[in-house]
Amino acid sequence: MRDTYHKELESISEALVEMANLVGSAMGRATSALLDADLRLAESVISTEEQVEVMQRDLEEKAITVLARQQPVATDLRTVVTSLRMSADLERSGVLAQHVATLARRRHPDQAVPRDLRRTILEMGQLAQRLMAQAAEVLMTQDVEAALQLERDDDRMDELHRLIFQHLMDDRWHHGVETAVDVTLVGRYYERFADHAVSIAQRVVYLVTGEHAEDLVDNPPTPV
C-alpha cells in the first residue's frame, strides 16, 4: 500500500515536470511564430494549450485521489496541495504562450513586432523559456538554492519590460497605436509567464523547507 502511495506522489511530480517542459517549449515556439510570422507554428502552439488543460485535469484527479484514499499528513499533504497550486501556474503559463501565438496568427502575414523591438522581444521570449526550463529542473531536483536563483534571474525580465515602455513613450515612436497595443500585450505576456516560473520555484522552496522564499533570502534554508 505504501509503495502505491509513493508512486502516486511521484506521478504527480512527474506530471508537473512534463507540464513545465511543455509550456516552456510552447512559449519558445510562440516567440518564433511571432517574430517570423509563422502561421503553422502559431497554430501548433494554440493547439498545445488543449493538451496542457488535459494534463492539468489529470493531475488534479490524481491529487484528489491521493487526498481521498491516503489522507496524507505533514510533508505529504503539503506536497499534494502545493502541486495543485503549481499545476494552476503551469496551466496559466500555457494560456500566455497561446496568447502570443494568437497575436502572431492575427497579424499574419504581417509581423506584429517592429524591427527596432525585435531584439528585445526575442530576448524576452528566450528568457521566458529558460526560466520555465529552470523551474522544471527545480521541480525535479528540489534544489532550494536553484529555486532562489531563478527569482534573481527574473530581474532581467523586469528590465526588458521597462525597456519596451521606454520605446513606446519615445517621441520617435512611429509605428502607430495598434502596434503599440500589440507590443504592450506581448511584453505583459512574457512578464506574467516569467512570474509563474518564479511562483513555481517559490512553491518548491516552501515544499522543501516549510518556509516562504522571501524569508530565506538572508538565511540558509533548512530542509524539513
C-alpha atoms as a PDB file:
ATOM      1  CA  MET A   1       0.000   0.000   0.000  1.00  0.00           C
ATOM      2  CA  ARG A   2       2.780   2.455   0.885  1.00  0.00           C
ATOM      3  CA  ASP A   3       4.594   1.659  -2.372  1.00  0.00           C
ATOM      4  CA  THR A   4       1.452   2.552  -4.314  1.00  0.00           C
ATOM      5  CA  TYR A   5       1.091   5.721  -2.267  1.00  0.00           C
ATOM      6  CA  HIS A   6       4.616   6.904  -3.057  1.00  0.00           C
ATOM      7  CA  LYS A   7       4.202   6.019  -6.726  1.00  0.00           C
ATOM      8  CA  GLU A   8       1.107   8.206  -6.819  1.00  0.00           C
ATOM      9  CA  LEU A   9       3.058  11.107  -5.313  1.00  0.00           C
ATOM     10  CA  GLU A  10       5.883  10.546  -7.786  1.00  0.00           C
ATOM     11  CA  SER A  11       3.384  10.502 -10.634  1.00  0.00           C
ATOM     12  CA  ILE A  12       2.122  13.927  -9.612  1.00  0.00           C
ATOM     13  CA  SER A  13       5.666  15.331  -9.506  1.00  0.00           C
ATOM     14  CA  GLU A  14       6.485  13.837 -12.898  1.00  0.00           C
ATOM     15  CA  ALA A  15       3.335  15.356 -14.386  1.00  0.00           C
ATOM     16  CA  LEU A  16       4.366  18.792 -13.141  1.00  0.00           C
ATOM     17  CA  VAL A  17       7.775  18.472 -14.770  1.00  0.00           C
ATOM     18  CA  GLU A  18       6.185  17.347 -18.024  1.00  0.00           C
ATOM     19  CA  MET A  19       3.786  20.292 -17.959  1.00  0.00           C
ATOM     20  CA  ALA A  20       6.621  22.739 -17.286  1.00  0.00           C
ATOM     21  CA  ASN A  21       8.631  21.400 -20.208  1.00  0.00           C
ATOM     22  CA  LEU A  22       5.581  21.526 -22.456  1.00  0.00           C
ATOM     23  CA  VAL A  23       4.637  25.133 -21.702  1.00  0.00           C
ATOM     24  CA  GLY A  24       8.270  26.227 -21.900  1.00  0.00           C
ATOM     25  CA  SER A  25       8.550  24.707 -25.370  1.00  0.00           C
ATOM     26  CA  ALA A  26       5.234  26.295 -26.334  1.00  0.00           C
ATOM     27  CA  MET A  27       6.465  29.749 -25.394  1.00  0.00           C
ATOM     28  CA  GLY A  28       9.665  29.224 -27.360  1.00  0.00           C
ATOM     29  CA  ARG A  29       7.681  28.238 -30.452  1.00  0.00           C
ATOM     30  CA  ALA A  30       5.223  31.093 -29.902  1.00  0.00           C
ATOM     31  CA  THR A  31       8.119  33.547 -29.906  1.00  0.00           C
ATOM     32  CA  SER A  32       9.411  32.149 -33.183  1.00  0.00           C
ATOM     33  CA  ALA A  33       5.923  32.317 -34.676  1.00  0.00           C
ATOM     34  CA  LEU A  34       5.591  35.932 -33.559  1.00  0.00           C
ATOM     35  CA  LEU A  35       8.931  37.109 -34.921  1.00  0.00           C
ATOM     36  CA  ASP A  36       8.842  35.073 -38.128  1.00  0.00           C
ATOM     37  CA  ALA A  37       5.121  35.481 -38.870  1.00  0.00           C
ATOM     38  CA  ASP A  38       4.940  31.673 -38.990  1.00  0.00           C
ATOM     39  CA  LEU A  39       1.267  30.732 -39.115  1.00  0.00           C
ATOM     40  CA  ARG A  40       1.832  26.969 -38.957  1.00  0.00           C
ATOM     41  CA  LEU A  41       3.936  27.314 -35.830  1.00  0.00           C
ATOM     42  CA  ALA A  42       1.393  29.643 -34.236  1.00  0.00           C
ATOM     43  CA  GLU A  43      -1.366  27.111 -34.840  1.00  0.00           C
ATOM     44  CA  SER A  44       0.702  24.339 -33.263  1.00  0.00           C
ATOM     45  CA  VAL A  45       1.151  26.405 -30.088  1.00  0.00           C
ATOM     46  CA  ILE A  46      -2.546  27.219 -29.907  1.00  0.00           C
ATOM     47  CA  SER A  47      -3.436  23.527 -30.155  1.00  0.00           C
ATOM     48  CA  THR A  48      -0.903  22.684 -27.434  1.00  0.00           C
ATOM     49  CA  GLU A  49      -2.991  24.543 -24.859  1.00  0.00           C
ATOM     50  CA  GLU A  50      -5.664  21.848 -25.062  1.00  0.00           C
ATOM     51  CA  GLN A  51      -3.016  19.282 -24.138  1.00  0.00           C
ATOM     52  CA  VAL A  52      -1.937  21.402 -21.161  1.00  0.00           C
ATOM     53  CA  GLU A  53      -5.530  21.633 -19.947  1.00  0.00           C
ATOM     54  CA  VAL A  54      -5.961  17.865 -20.170  1.00  0.00           C
ATOM     55  CA  MET A  55      -2.749  17.343 -18.221  1.00  0.00           C
ATOM     56  CA  GLN A  56      -3.890  19.725 -15.518  1.00  0.00           C
ATOM     57  CA  ARG A  57      -7.223  17.943 -15.154  1.00  0.00           C
ATOM     58  CA  ASP A  58      -5.452  14.588 -14.936  1.00  0.00           C
ATOM     59  CA  LEU A  59      -3.088  15.919 -12.289  1.00  0.00           C
ATOM     60  CA  GLU A  60      -5.968  17.324 -10.261  1.00  0.00           C
ATOM     61  CA  GLU A  61      -7.734  13.967 -10.396  1.00  0.00           C
ATOM     62  CA  LYS A  62      -4.588  12.197  -9.192  1.00  0.00           C
ATOM     63  CA  ALA A  63      -4.176  14.686  -6.353  1.00  0.00           C
ATOM     64  CA  ILE A  64      -7.808  14.344  -5.279  1.00  0.00           C
ATOM     65  CA  THR A  65      -7.478  10.554  -5.357  1.00  0.00           C
ATOM     66  CA  VAL A  66      -4.432  10.731  -3.089  1.00  0.00           C
ATOM     67  CA  LEU A  67      -6.247  13.052  -0.687  1.00  0.00           C
ATOM     68  CA  ALA A  68      -9.309  10.816  -0.575  1.00  0.00           C
ATOM     69  CA  ARG A  69      -7.624   7.418  -0.356  1.00  0.00           C
ATOM     70  CA  GLN A  70      -4.425   8.116   1.535  1.00  0.00           C
ATOM     71  CA  GLN A  71      -5.368  11.096   3.724  1.00  0.00           C
ATOM     72  CA  PRO A  72      -1.783  12.410   3.727  1.00  0.00           C
ATOM     73  CA  VAL A  73      -0.464  14.494   6.595  1.00  0.00           C
ATOM     74  CA  ALA A  74       2.512  16.784   7.236  1.00  0.00           C
ATOM     75  CA  THR A  75       5.008  16.898   4.342  1.00  0.00           C
ATOM     76  CA  ASP A  76       2.968  14.651   2.047  1.00  0.00           C
ATOM     77  CA  LEU A  77      -0.103  16.815   2.451  1.00  0.00           C
ATOM     78  CA  ARG A  78       1.994  19.869   1.683  1.00  0.00           C
ATOM     79  CA  THR A  79       3.258  18.130  -1.457  1.00  0.00           C
ATOM     80  CA  VAL A  80      -0.231  17.434  -2.776  1.00  0.00           C
ATOM     81  CA  VAL A  81      -1.653  20.871  -2.018  1.00  0.00           C
ATOM     82  CA  THR A  82       1.406  22.681  -3.395  1.00  0.00           C
ATOM     83  CA  SER A  83       1.313  20.546  -6.544  1.00  0.00           C
ATOM     84  CA  LEU A  84      -2.255  21.631  -7.212  1.00  0.00           C
ATOM     85  CA  ARG A  85      -1.210  25.263  -6.995  1.00  0.00           C
ATOM     86  CA  MET A  86       1.783  24.702  -9.273  1.00  0.00           C
ATOM     87  CA  SER A  87      -0.395  22.983 -11.859  1.00  0.00           C
ATOM     88  CA  ALA A  88      -2.551  26.114 -11.933  1.00  0.00           C
ATOM     89  CA  ASP A  89       0.568  28.226 -12.544  1.00  0.00           C
ATOM     90  CA  LEU A  90       1.532  25.958 -15.410  1.00  0.00           C
ATOM     91  CA  GLU A  91      -1.921  25.988 -16.976  1.00  0.00           C
ATOM     92  CA  ARG A  92      -1.917  29.792 -16.934  1.00  0.00           C
ATOM     93  CA  SER A  93       1.563  29.761 -18.456  1.00  0.00           C
ATOM     94  CA  GLY A  94       0.221  27.673 -21.313  1.00  0.00           C
ATOM     95  CA  VAL A  95      -2.552  30.216 -21.861  1.00  0.00           C
ATOM     96  CA  LEU A  96       0.036  33.009 -22.052  1.00  0.00           C
ATOM     97  CA  ALA A  97       2.011  31.118 -24.715  1.00  0.00           C
ATOM     98  CA  GLN A  98      -1.265  30.678 -26.571  1.00  0.00           C
ATOM     99  CA  HIS A  99      -1.886  34.440 -26.371  1.00  0.00           C
ATOM    100  CA  VAL A 100       1.490  35.162 -28.003  1.00  0.00           C
ATOM    101  CA  ALA A 101       0.753  32.663 -30.765  1.00  0.00           C
ATOM    102  CA  THR A 102      -2.754  34.061 -31.268  1.00  0.00           C
ATOM    103  CA  LEU A 103      -1.308  37.531 -31.778  1.00  0.00           C
ATOM    104  CA  ALA A 104       1.086  36.138 -34.378  1.00  0.00           C
ATOM    105  CA  ARG A 105      -1.854  34.476 -36.146  1.00  0.00           C
ATOM    106  CA  ARG A 106      -3.984  37.609 -36.011  1.00  0.00           C
ATOM    107  CA  ARG A 107      -1.297  39.768 -37.655  1.00  0.00           C
ATOM    108  CA  HIS A 108      -0.248  37.172 -40.238  1.00  0.00           C
ATOM    109  CA  PRO A 109       1.161  37.643 -42.867  1.00  0.00           C
ATOM    110  CA  ASP A 110       2.438  40.860 -41.283  1.00  0.00           C
ATOM    111  CA  GLN A 111       4.778  40.880 -38.301  1.00  0.00           C
ATOM    112  CA  ALA A 112       3.392  42.234 -35.044  1.00  0.00           C
ATOM    113  CA  VAL A 113       6.781  43.372 -33.714  1.00  0.00           C
ATOM    114  CA  PRO A 114       8.554  46.319 -35.359  1.00  0.00           C
ATOM    115  CA  ARG A 115      12.191  45.902 -36.332  1.00  0.00           C
ATOM    116  CA  ASP A 116      13.567  48.157 -33.587  1.00  0.00           C
ATOM    117  CA  LEU A 117      11.971  45.979 -30.881  1.00  0.00           C
ATOM    118  CA  ARG A 118      12.642  42.541 -32.328  1.00  0.00           C
ATOM    119  CA  ARG A 119      15.852  42.042 -30.337  1.00  0.00           C
ATOM    120  CA  THR A 120      14.135  42.943 -27.067  1.00  0.00           C
ATOM    121  CA  ILE A 121      11.152  40.676 -27.742  1.00  0.00           C
ATOM    122  CA  LEU A 122      13.454  37.849 -28.784  1.00  0.00           C
ATOM    123  CA  GLU A 123      15.384  38.144 -25.528  1.00  0.00           C
ATOM    124  CA  MET A 124      12.154  38.210 -23.525  1.00  0.00           C
ATOM    125  CA  GLY A 125      10.927  35.069 -25.277  1.00  0.00           C
ATOM    126  CA  GLN A 126      14.206  33.242 -24.790  1.00  0.00           C
ATOM    127  CA  LEU A 127      14.376  34.292 -21.143  1.00  0.00           C
ATOM    128  CA  ALA A 128      10.793  33.184 -20.503  1.00  0.00           C
ATOM    129  CA  GLN A 129      11.556  29.762 -21.968  1.00  0.00           C
ATOM    130  CA  ARG A 130      14.787  29.491 -19.988  1.00  0.00           C
ATOM    131  CA  LEU A 131      13.123  30.438 -16.695  1.00  0.00           C
ATOM    132  CA  MET A 132      10.479  27.767 -17.204  1.00  0.00           C
ATOM    133  CA  ALA A 133      13.200  25.228 -18.020  1.00  0.00           C
ATOM    134  CA  GLN A 134      14.866  26.192 -14.733  1.00  0.00           C
ATOM    135  CA  ALA A 135      11.534  25.752 -12.961  1.00  0.00           C
ATOM    136  CA  ALA A 136      11.242  22.247 -14.438  1.00  0.00           C
ATOM    137  CA  GLU A 137      14.744  21.467 -13.216  1.00  0.00           C
ATOM    138  CA  VAL A 138      13.918  22.769  -9.739  1.00  0.00           C
ATOM    139  CA  LEU A 139      10.810  20.585  -9.689  1.00  0.00           C
ATOM    140  CA  MET A 140      12.979  17.547 -10.401  1.00  0.00           C
ATOM    141  CA  THR A 141      15.884  18.319  -8.082  1.00  0.00           C
ATOM    142  CA  GLN A 142      14.063  20.138  -5.247  1.00  0.00           C
ATOM    143  CA  ASP A 143      17.154  22.377  -5.153  1.00  0.00           C
ATOM    144  CA  VAL A 144      16.294  25.331  -2.910  1.00  0.00           C
ATOM    145  CA  GLU A 145      19.295  27.451  -3.917  1.00  0.00           C
ATOM    146  CA  ALA A 146      18.487  26.978  -7.605  1.00  0.00           C
ATOM    147  CA  ALA A 147      14.904  27.973  -6.865  1.00  0.00           C
ATOM    148  CA  LEU A 148      16.037  31.161  -5.149  1.00  0.00           C
ATOM    149  CA  GLN A 149      18.405  31.903  -8.049  1.00  0.00           C
ATOM    150  CA  LEU A 150      15.525  31.684 -10.500  1.00  0.00           C
ATOM    151  CA  GLU A 151      13.833  34.576  -8.758  1.00  0.00           C
ATOM    152  CA  ARG A 152      17.005  36.641  -9.098  1.00  0.00           C
ATOM    153  CA  ASP A 153      17.260  35.738 -12.794  1.00  0.00           C
ATOM    154  CA  ASP A 154      13.754  37.106 -13.303  1.00  0.00           C
ATOM    155  CA  ASP A 155      15.080  40.627 -12.645  1.00  0.00           C
ATOM    156  CA  ARG A 156      16.238  40.747 -16.260  1.00  0.00           C
ATOM    157  CA  MET A 157      12.674  40.206 -17.472  1.00  0.00           C
ATOM    158  CA  ASP A 158      11.558  43.225 -15.468  1.00  0.00           C
ATOM    159  CA  GLU A 159      14.334  45.283 -17.075  1.00  0.00           C
ATOM    160  CA  LEU A 160      13.255  44.228 -20.563  1.00  0.00           C
ATOM    161  CA  HIS A 161       9.634  45.022 -19.768  1.00  0.00           C
ATOM    162  CA  ARG A 162      10.622  48.539 -18.722  1.00  0.00           C
ATOM    163  CA  LEU A 163      12.669  48.890 -21.902  1.00  0.00           C
ATOM    164  CA  ILE A 164       9.573  48.234 -24.014  1.00  0.00           C
ATOM    165  CA  PHE A 165       7.745  51.089 -22.328  1.00  0.00           C
ATOM    166  CA  GLN A 166      10.704  53.376 -22.917  1.00  0.00           C
ATOM    167  CA  HIS A 167      10.362  52.659 -26.629  1.00  0.00           C
ATOM    168  CA  LEU A 168       6.621  53.252 -26.558  1.00  0.00           C
ATOM    169  CA  MET A 169       6.984  56.585 -24.750  1.00  0.00           C
ATOM    170  CA  ASP A 170       9.769  57.810 -27.020  1.00  0.00           C
ATOM    171  CA  ASP A 171       8.818  60.724 -29.281  1.00  0.00           C
ATOM    172  CA  ARG A 172      10.374  58.818 -32.168  1.00  0.00           C
ATOM    173  CA  TRP A 173       7.767  56.029 -31.962  1.00  0.00           C
ATOM    174  CA  HIS A 174       6.112  55.969 -35.373  1.00  0.00           C
ATOM    175  CA  HIS A 175       4.529  52.512 -35.596  1.00  0.00           C
ATOM    176  CA  GLY A 176       1.029  53.557 -34.645  1.00  0.00           C
ATOM    177  CA  VAL A 177      -1.428  52.741 -31.874  1.00  0.00           C
ATOM    178  CA  GLU A 178      -2.278  49.208 -32.988  1.00  0.00           C
ATOM    179  CA  THR A 179       1.352  48.091 -32.920  1.00  0.00           C
ATOM    180  CA  ALA A 180       1.844  49.830 -29.579  1.00  0.00           C
ATOM    181  CA  VAL A 181      -1.048  47.808 -28.145  1.00  0.00           C
ATOM    182  CA  ASP A 182       0.358  44.583 -29.598  1.00  0.00           C
ATOM    183  CA  VAL A 183       3.813  45.199 -28.156  1.00  0.00           C
ATOM    184  CA  THR A 184       2.371  46.181 -24.762  1.00  0.00           C
ATOM    185  CA  LEU A 185       0.367  42.967 -24.600  1.00  0.00           C
ATOM    186  CA  VAL A 186       3.282  40.779 -25.674  1.00  0.00           C
ATOM    187  CA  GLY A 187       5.536  42.330 -23.067  1.00  0.00           C
ATOM    188  CA  ARG A 188       2.922  41.652 -20.423  1.00  0.00           C
ATOM    189  CA  TYR A 189       2.501  38.041 -21.555  1.00  0.00           C
ATOM    190  CA  TYR A 190       6.223  37.366 -21.195  1.00  0.00           C
ATOM    191  CA  GLU A 191       6.419  39.091 -17.823  1.00  0.00           C
ATOM    192  CA  ARG A 192       3.491  37.095 -16.444  1.00  0.00           C
ATOM    193  CA  PHE A 193       4.908  33.855 -17.862  1.00  0.00           C
ATOM    194  CA  ALA A 194       8.161  34.537 -16.016  1.00  0.00           C
ATOM    195  CA  ASP A 195       6.203  35.351 -12.861  1.00  0.00           C
ATOM    196  CA  HIS A 196       4.589  31.913 -12.996  1.00  0.00           C
ATOM    197  CA  ALA A 197       8.004  30.261 -13.332  1.00  0.00           C
ATOM    198  CA  VAL A 198       9.138  32.199 -10.257  1.00  0.00           C
ATOM    199  CA  SER A 199       5.959  31.208  -8.421  1.00  0.00           C
ATOM    200  CA  ILE A 200       6.678  27.539  -9.099  1.00  0.00           C
ATOM    201  CA  ALA A 201      10.211  27.932  -7.764  1.00  0.00           C
ATOM    202  CA  GLN A 202       8.895  29.681  -4.650  1.00  0.00           C
ATOM    203  CA  ARG A 203       6.431  26.865  -4.056  1.00  0.00           C
ATOM    204  CA  VAL A 204       9.269  24.333  -4.302  1.00  0.00           C
ATOM    205  CA  VAL A 205      11.122  26.300  -1.614  1.00  0.00           C
ATOM    206  CA  TYR A 206       8.063  26.085   0.602  1.00  0.00           C
ATOM    207  CA  LEU A 207       7.614  22.414  -0.203  1.00  0.00           C
ATOM    208  CA  VAL A 208      11.177  21.553   0.801  1.00  0.00           C
ATOM    209  CA  THR A 209      11.701  23.891   3.760  1.00  0.00           C
ATOM    210  CA  GLY A 210       8.235  24.731   5.037  1.00  0.00           C
ATOM    211  CA  GLU A 211       9.220  28.395   4.782  1.00  0.00           C
ATOM    212  CA  HIS A 212       8.432  31.085   2.228  1.00  0.00           C
ATOM    213  CA  ALA A 213      11.146  32.093  -0.227  1.00  0.00           C
ATOM    214  CA  GLU A 214      11.270  35.728   0.894  1.00  0.00           C
ATOM    215  CA  ASP A 215      12.079  34.579   4.421  1.00  0.00           C
ATOM    216  CA  LEU A 216      15.143  32.677   3.206  1.00  0.00           C
ATOM    217  CA  VAL A 217      16.879  35.458   1.300  1.00  0.00           C
ATOM    218  CA  ASP A 218      19.223  36.246   4.171  1.00  0.00           C
ATOM    219  CA  ASN A 219      19.045  32.890   5.928  1.00  0.00           C
ATOM    220  CA  PRO A 220      20.310  29.490   4.817  1.00  0.00           C
ATOM    221  CA  PRO A 221      17.459  27.040   4.099  1.00  0.00           C
ATOM    222  CA  THR A 222      16.949  24.125   6.442  1.00  0.00           C
ATOM    223  CA  PRO A 223      15.080  21.174   4.892  1.00  0.00           C
ATOM    224  CA  VAL A 224      12.282  19.728   6.999  1.00  0.00           C
END
